[in-house]
Amino acid sequence: MDFVKEYIVQAILAASNNLRLSSEKIEVVAIFRERFTNSNDLLAEINILKKFTEFSKFSIKIGELYSTIETGKIDFLKISEKFKEHSHYLVKDLSCLLDVVTPNIARSVFKEVDKRLSTPEIPNLQETKPIQSKESYDRVDNRSSADKIKEKFILDDLDESSDFIFENYVETILKPIKKLDPFLIKLGNDEINLPEVQDVIITMRKHAELSKKVGFEILCNMHLVFAKGLELIKEEEVIVNNEIIEDLRACLIVIVAIVRSKDVDITNYLTRAENFGKSLNLL
């Protein structure tokens, strides 16, 4: 059994190495690795994971791989070739899973798996509502199942051993942003001195690192784009005008909307901020 678990874990890691992963996706892979490595009944967990829409295809592939290894029909003289074949077999479905599953969703699903493992009989298991993908949350928070998931994420989505407290993160990220809208107005009116600009740059880069550390890639990028914009303004490589101010403000709007889980469409702001970042990179 230990060999089977190790083989599957290594196959997942090898498959992930074929993908371009953000810090958030790396964290999801790490959650799978830890979970499967420490599992007391891996096959039972795989079978339960098949019941969740976002995990279904990947779990089916893992289940097939489990059955292949469990039968013992492996030619150890060719195991390296077979392993490459098995890991490649997982790449597509692992990629699809990582596109829709966040660390919070993964933890929530595995907590549900634990509940089902500890329950001798679970009637109508297949009728249980699947965990929604991250694209779905903004659209379905008027449904009771989504409300329950959101409450679970807020109250119980972090490991007890974690030093990270989400409320502290929110407070840390939002505190300077409250002052940045007036800052942008002064910047547009050429009423800001260079030391003040540098202070904001330092803060935004610091918070970009914090966001990256906890797996919030978009928030990290928005902070970096904002900081880069100010750096180029300070170096007089970018001329301040209303368009630039609105580009910077778009970054702030995206940050606040995501951190505070605002149920609004921020696609235009996100697109504007990302395009701003691309234009800064060209400079």
Protein backbone atom coordinates (compact mmCIF):
# COMPACT_ATOMS: atom_id res chain seq x y z
CA MET A 1 0.00 0.00 0.00
CA ASP A 2 2.80 2.43 0.83
CA PHE A 3 4.32 1.79 -2.59
CA VAL A 4 1.00 2.51 -4.30
CA LYS A 5 0.58 5.79 -2.41
CA GLU A 6 4.13 6.89 -3.13
CA TYR A 7 3.82 5.97 -6.80
CA ILE A 8 0.59 7.96 -7.21
CA VAL A 9 1.94 10.96 -5.31
CA GLN A 10 5.10 10.98 -7.42
CA ALA A 11 3.02 10.64 -10.60
CA ILE A 12 0.96 13.69 -9.60
CA LEU A 13 4.10 15.70 -8.84
CA ALA A 14 5.68 14.66 -12.15
CA ALA A 15 2.49 15.66 -13.99
CA SER A 16 2.47 19.04 -12.24
CA ASN A 17 6.04 19.65 -13.40
CA ASN A 18 4.72 19.69 -16.96
CA LEU A 19 2.43 22.62 -16.16
CA ARG A 20 3.03 26.31 -15.58
CA LEU A 21 1.80 26.72 -12.04
CA SER A 22 0.98 29.80 -10.02
CA SER A 23 1.70 29.80 -6.30
CA GLU A 24 -2.00 29.03 -5.68
CA LYS A 25 -1.89 25.97 -7.94
CA ILE A 26 1.35 24.80 -6.34
CA GLU A 27 -0.42 24.96 -2.98
CA VAL A 28 -3.28 22.78 -4.29
CA VAL A 29 -0.76 20.18 -5.52
CA ALA A 30 0.92 20.29 -2.11
CA ILE A 31 -2.43 19.68 -0.41
CA PHE A 32 -2.97 16.59 -2.58
CA ARG A 33 0.55 15.35 -1.87
CA GLU A 34 0.16 15.67 1.89
CA ARG A 35 -3.33 14.21 1.86
CA PHE A 36 -2.54 11.16 -0.24
CA THR A 37 0.77 10.49 1.52
CA ASN A 38 -0.94 10.40 4.93
CA SER A 39 -4.12 8.63 3.82
CA ASN A 40 -5.19 5.52 5.75
CA ASP A 41 -7.52 4.42 2.95
CA LEU A 42 -6.51 6.04 -0.31
CA LEU A 43 -8.90 4.07 -2.50
CA ALA A 44 -11.89 5.08 -0.33
CA GLU A 45 -10.83 8.74 -0.57
CA ILE A 46 -10.44 8.53 -4.34
CA ASN A 47 -13.92 7.02 -4.68
CA ILE A 48 -15.44 9.82 -2.60
CA LEU A 49 -13.57 12.49 -4.59
CA LYS A 50 -15.21 11.17 -7.75
CA LYS A 51 -18.52 12.51 -6.39
CA PHE A 52 -17.33 16.12 -6.62
CA THR A 53 -17.71 17.61 -10.08
CA GLU A 54 -14.38 19.48 -10.22
CA PHE A 55 -12.46 16.46 -8.91
CA SER A 56 -14.32 13.78 -10.85
CA LYS A 57 -12.24 13.28 -14.02
CA PHE A 58 -8.93 13.58 -12.21
CA SER A 59 -10.09 11.18 -9.49
CA ILE A 60 -11.22 8.65 -12.07
CA LYS A 61 -7.75 8.75 -13.63
CA ILE A 62 -6.13 8.36 -10.19
CA GLY A 63 -8.47 5.45 -9.45
CA GLU A 64 -7.49 3.73 -12.70
CA LEU A 65 -3.83 4.26 -11.87
CA TYR A 66 -4.40 2.87 -8.37
CA SER A 67 -5.99 -0.29 -9.80
CA THR A 68 -3.12 -0.76 -12.24
CA ILE A 69 -0.47 -0.49 -9.53
CA GLU A 70 -2.47 -2.52 -6.99
CA THR A 71 -2.68 -5.51 -9.32
CA GLY A 72 1.11 -5.73 -9.23
CA LYS A 73 1.36 -6.13 -13.00
CA ILE A 74 4.34 -3.83 -13.29
CA ASP A 75 7.47 -4.80 -15.13
CA PHE A 76 10.12 -3.32 -12.86
CA LEU A 77 12.64 -3.49 -15.70
CA LYS A 78 10.52 -0.95 -17.53
CA ILE A 79 9.09 0.93 -14.56
CA SER A 80 10.73 4.22 -15.51
CA GLU A 81 9.05 4.19 -18.93
CA LYS A 82 5.73 3.17 -17.41
CA PHE A 83 5.95 5.89 -14.78
CA LYS A 84 6.47 8.56 -17.46
CA GLU A 85 3.45 7.20 -19.29
CA HIS A 86 1.32 7.24 -16.13
CA SER A 87 2.34 10.78 -15.12
CA HIS A 88 1.69 12.07 -18.64
CA TYR A 89 -1.72 10.37 -18.44
CA LEU A 90 -2.61 12.71 -15.54
CA VAL A 91 -1.43 16.03 -17.01
CA LYS A 92 -4.57 17.11 -18.87
CA ASP A 93 -7.05 16.37 -16.08
CA LEU A 94 -4.72 17.77 -13.41
CA SER A 95 -4.47 20.99 -15.41
CA CYS A 96 -8.27 21.24 -15.67
CA LEU A 97 -8.64 20.59 -11.93
CA LEU A 98 -6.08 23.27 -11.01
CA ASP A 99 -7.86 25.81 -13.22
CA VAL A 100 -10.99 25.63 -11.06
CA VAL A 101 -9.89 24.46 -7.61
CA THR A 102 -8.35 26.87 -5.11
CA PRO A 103 -6.57 25.84 -1.90
CA ASN A 104 -9.71 26.75 0.06
CA ILE A 105 -11.90 24.57 -2.14
CA ALA A 106 -9.45 21.67 -1.85
CA ARG A 107 -9.37 21.92 1.96
CA SER A 108 -13.16 22.16 2.11
CA VAL A 109 -13.60 19.09 -0.07
CA PHE A 110 -11.14 17.04 1.97
CA LYS A 111 -12.96 18.01 5.17
CA GLU A 112 -16.11 16.70 3.54
CA VAL A 113 -14.20 13.53 2.59
CA ASP A 114 -13.21 13.10 6.25
CA LYS A 115 -16.84 13.39 7.31
CA ARG A 116 -17.93 10.77 4.82
CA LEU A 117 -15.10 8.43 5.79
CA SER A 118 -16.16 8.65 9.43
CA THR A 119 -19.82 7.97 8.60
CA PRO A 120 -20.63 4.25 8.21
CA GLU A 121 -23.52 4.82 5.84
CA ILE A 122 -24.31 7.91 3.82
CA PRO A 123 -27.68 7.76 2.09
CA ASN A 124 -28.07 9.41 -1.33
CA LEU A 125 -24.39 10.22 -1.54
CA GLN A 126 -24.58 10.86 -5.25
CA GLU A 127 -27.28 13.45 -4.75
CA THR A 128 -25.04 15.63 -2.61
CA LYS A 129 -24.44 19.04 -4.13
CA PRO A 130 -20.93 19.32 -5.61
CA ILE A 131 -18.54 21.99 -4.43
CA GLN A 132 -18.76 24.87 -6.86
CA SER A 133 -15.73 25.90 -8.90
CA LYS A 134 -14.15 29.27 -8.15
CA GLU A 135 -15.74 30.78 -11.29
CA SER A 136 -19.16 29.84 -9.90
CA TYR A 137 -19.00 31.50 -6.49
CA ASP A 138 -19.64 35.05 -7.67
CA ARG A 139 -22.72 33.90 -9.57
CA VAL A 140 -24.46 31.62 -7.08
CA ASP A 141 -24.15 33.21 -3.66
CA ASN A 142 -27.92 33.56 -3.51
CA ARG A 143 -28.19 29.76 -3.29
CA SER A 144 -28.24 28.06 0.07
CA SER A 145 -25.54 25.52 -0.84
CA ALA A 146 -23.16 28.30 -1.85
CA ASP A 147 -23.97 30.21 1.33
CA LYS A 148 -23.00 27.19 3.38
CA ILE A 149 -19.73 26.82 1.50
CA LYS A 150 -18.93 30.51 1.95
CA GLU A 151 -19.62 30.31 5.68
CA LYS A 152 -17.44 27.25 5.93
CA PHE A 153 -14.61 29.02 4.15
CA ILE A 154 -14.86 32.05 6.44
CA LEU A 155 -15.09 30.12 9.68
CA ASP A 156 -13.11 26.97 9.09
CA ASP A 157 -10.93 26.97 5.98
CA LEU A 158 -7.47 27.28 7.55
CA ASP A 159 -5.37 24.57 9.15
CA GLU A 160 -5.17 24.86 12.92
CA SER A 161 -1.38 24.82 12.66
CA SER A 162 -1.30 27.77 10.28
CA ASP A 163 0.13 31.06 11.47
CA PHE A 164 -1.88 32.88 8.83
CA ILE A 165 -5.08 34.56 9.98
CA PHE A 166 -7.25 35.74 7.09
CA GLU A 167 -8.78 38.60 9.03
CA ASN A 168 -5.29 39.96 9.71
CA TYR A 169 -4.45 39.65 6.02
CA VAL A 170 -7.59 41.59 5.03
CA GLU A 171 -6.85 44.34 7.54
CA THR A 172 -3.22 44.56 6.43
CA ILE A 173 -4.09 44.76 2.72
CA LEU A 174 -7.01 47.21 3.03
CA LYS A 175 -5.50 49.64 5.53
CA PRO A 176 -3.19 51.50 3.10
CA ILE A 177 -5.66 51.28 0.21
CA LYS A 178 -8.14 53.48 2.06
CA LYS A 179 -5.61 56.28 1.74
CA LEU A 180 -4.58 55.58 -1.84
CA ASP A 181 -7.61 57.03 -3.63
CA PRO A 182 -6.87 60.49 -2.18
CA PHE A 183 -3.23 59.79 -2.98
CA LEU A 184 -4.12 59.25 -6.65
CA ILE A 185 -6.04 62.53 -6.75
CA LYS A 186 -3.01 64.37 -5.36
CA LEU A 187 -0.75 62.49 -7.75
CA GLY A 188 -2.89 63.61 -10.69
CA ASN A 189 -2.65 67.21 -9.46
CA ASP A 190 1.14 66.94 -9.06
CA GLU A 191 0.86 67.48 -5.30
CA ILE A 192 2.84 64.40 -4.21
CA ASN A 193 6.51 64.45 -3.20
CA LEU A 194 8.93 61.67 -4.14
CA PRO A 195 9.43 60.28 -0.59
CA GLU A 196 5.66 59.81 -0.31
CA VAL A 197 5.59 57.94 -3.61
CA GLN A 198 8.48 55.74 -2.48
CA ASP A 199 6.68 54.87 0.75
CA VAL A 200 3.66 53.65 -1.20
CA ILE A 201 5.88 51.62 -3.56
CA ILE A 202 7.53 49.88 -0.60
CA THR A 203 4.16 49.09 0.99
CA MET A 204 2.65 47.74 -2.22
CA ARG A 205 5.65 45.51 -2.92
CA LYS A 206 5.57 44.24 0.65
CA HIS A 207 1.89 43.38 0.33
CA ALA A 208 2.53 41.75 -3.06
CA GLU A 209 4.94 39.38 -1.32
CA LEU A 210 2.41 38.70 1.43
CA SER A 211 -0.28 37.93 -1.15
CA LYS A 212 2.07 35.63 -3.02
CA LYS A 213 3.01 33.84 0.20
CA VAL A 214 -0.61 32.96 0.95
CA GLY A 215 -1.38 31.98 -2.64
CA PHE A 216 -3.36 34.98 -3.94
CA GLU A 217 -1.78 35.39 -7.37
CA ILE A 218 -4.14 38.02 -8.77
CA LEU A 219 -3.79 40.18 -5.65
CA CYS A 220 -0.01 39.82 -5.83
CA ASN A 221 -0.03 40.92 -9.49
CA MET A 222 -2.29 43.90 -8.83
CA HIS A 223 0.01 45.17 -6.09
CA LEU A 224 3.05 44.70 -8.34
CA VAL A 225 1.45 46.54 -11.27
CA PHE A 226 0.51 49.45 -9.00
CA ALA A 227 4.04 49.60 -7.55
CA LYS A 228 5.64 49.36 -11.00
CA GLY A 229 3.45 52.18 -12.28
CA LEU A 230 4.53 54.44 -9.44
CA GLU A 231 8.18 53.52 -9.95
CA LEU A 232 8.06 54.53 -13.60
CA ILE A 233 6.21 57.73 -12.70
CA LYS A 234 8.88 58.53 -10.14
CA GLU A 235 11.59 57.88 -12.71
CA GLU A 236 9.68 60.12 -15.17
CA GLU A 237 9.36 57.31 -17.70
CA VAL A 238 5.59 57.58 -17.47
CA ILE A 239 3.79 60.91 -17.67
CA VAL A 240 0.88 61.25 -15.24
CA ASN A 241 -2.46 61.90 -16.89
CA ASN A 242 -6.05 60.97 -16.22
CA GLU A 243 -5.66 57.69 -18.12
CA ILE A 244 -2.73 56.59 -15.96
CA ILE A 245 -4.56 57.55 -12.76
CA GLU A 246 -7.55 55.45 -13.81
CA ASP A 247 -5.24 52.54 -14.64
CA LEU A 248 -3.79 52.71 -11.14
CA ARG A 249 -7.24 53.05 -9.61
CA ALA A 250 -8.37 49.92 -11.50
CA CYS A 251 -5.69 47.95 -9.64
CA LEU A 252 -7.06 49.16 -6.31
CA ILE A 253 -10.64 48.34 -7.28
CA VAL A 254 -9.66 44.76 -8.18
CA ILE A 255 -7.77 44.33 -4.90
CA VAL A 256 -10.64 45.60 -2.75
CA ALA A 257 -13.31 43.68 -4.65
CA ILE A 258 -11.45 40.37 -4.30
CA VAL A 259 -10.34 40.83 -0.69
CA ARG A 260 -13.80 41.88 0.46
CA SER A 261 -15.52 39.26 -1.76
CA LYS A 262 -17.68 41.90 -3.44
CA ASP A 263 -20.36 40.31 -5.59
CA VAL A 264 -19.78 42.63 -8.55
CA ASP A 265 -18.42 42.18 -12.04
CA ILE A 266 -14.87 43.55 -12.06
CA THR A 267 -13.91 42.14 -15.46
CA ASN A 268 -13.40 45.57 -17.03
CA TYR A 269 -11.24 46.76 -14.14
CA LEU A 270 -9.20 43.56 -14.14
CA THR A 271 -8.68 43.76 -17.91
CA ARG A 272 -7.67 47.41 -17.66
CA ALA A 273 -5.23 46.72 -14.82
CA GLU A 274 -3.69 43.73 -16.62
CA ASN A 275 -3.29 45.71 -19.86
CA PHE A 276 -1.69 48.49 -17.84
CA GLY A 277 0.76 45.97 -16.42
CA LYS A 278 1.61 44.70 -19.91
CA SER A 279 2.23 48.24 -21.15
CA LEU A 280 4.54 48.90 -18.18
CA ASN A 281 6.50 45.74 -18.99
CA LEU A 282 7.03 47.02 -22.54
CA LEU A 283 8.65 50.12 -21.06
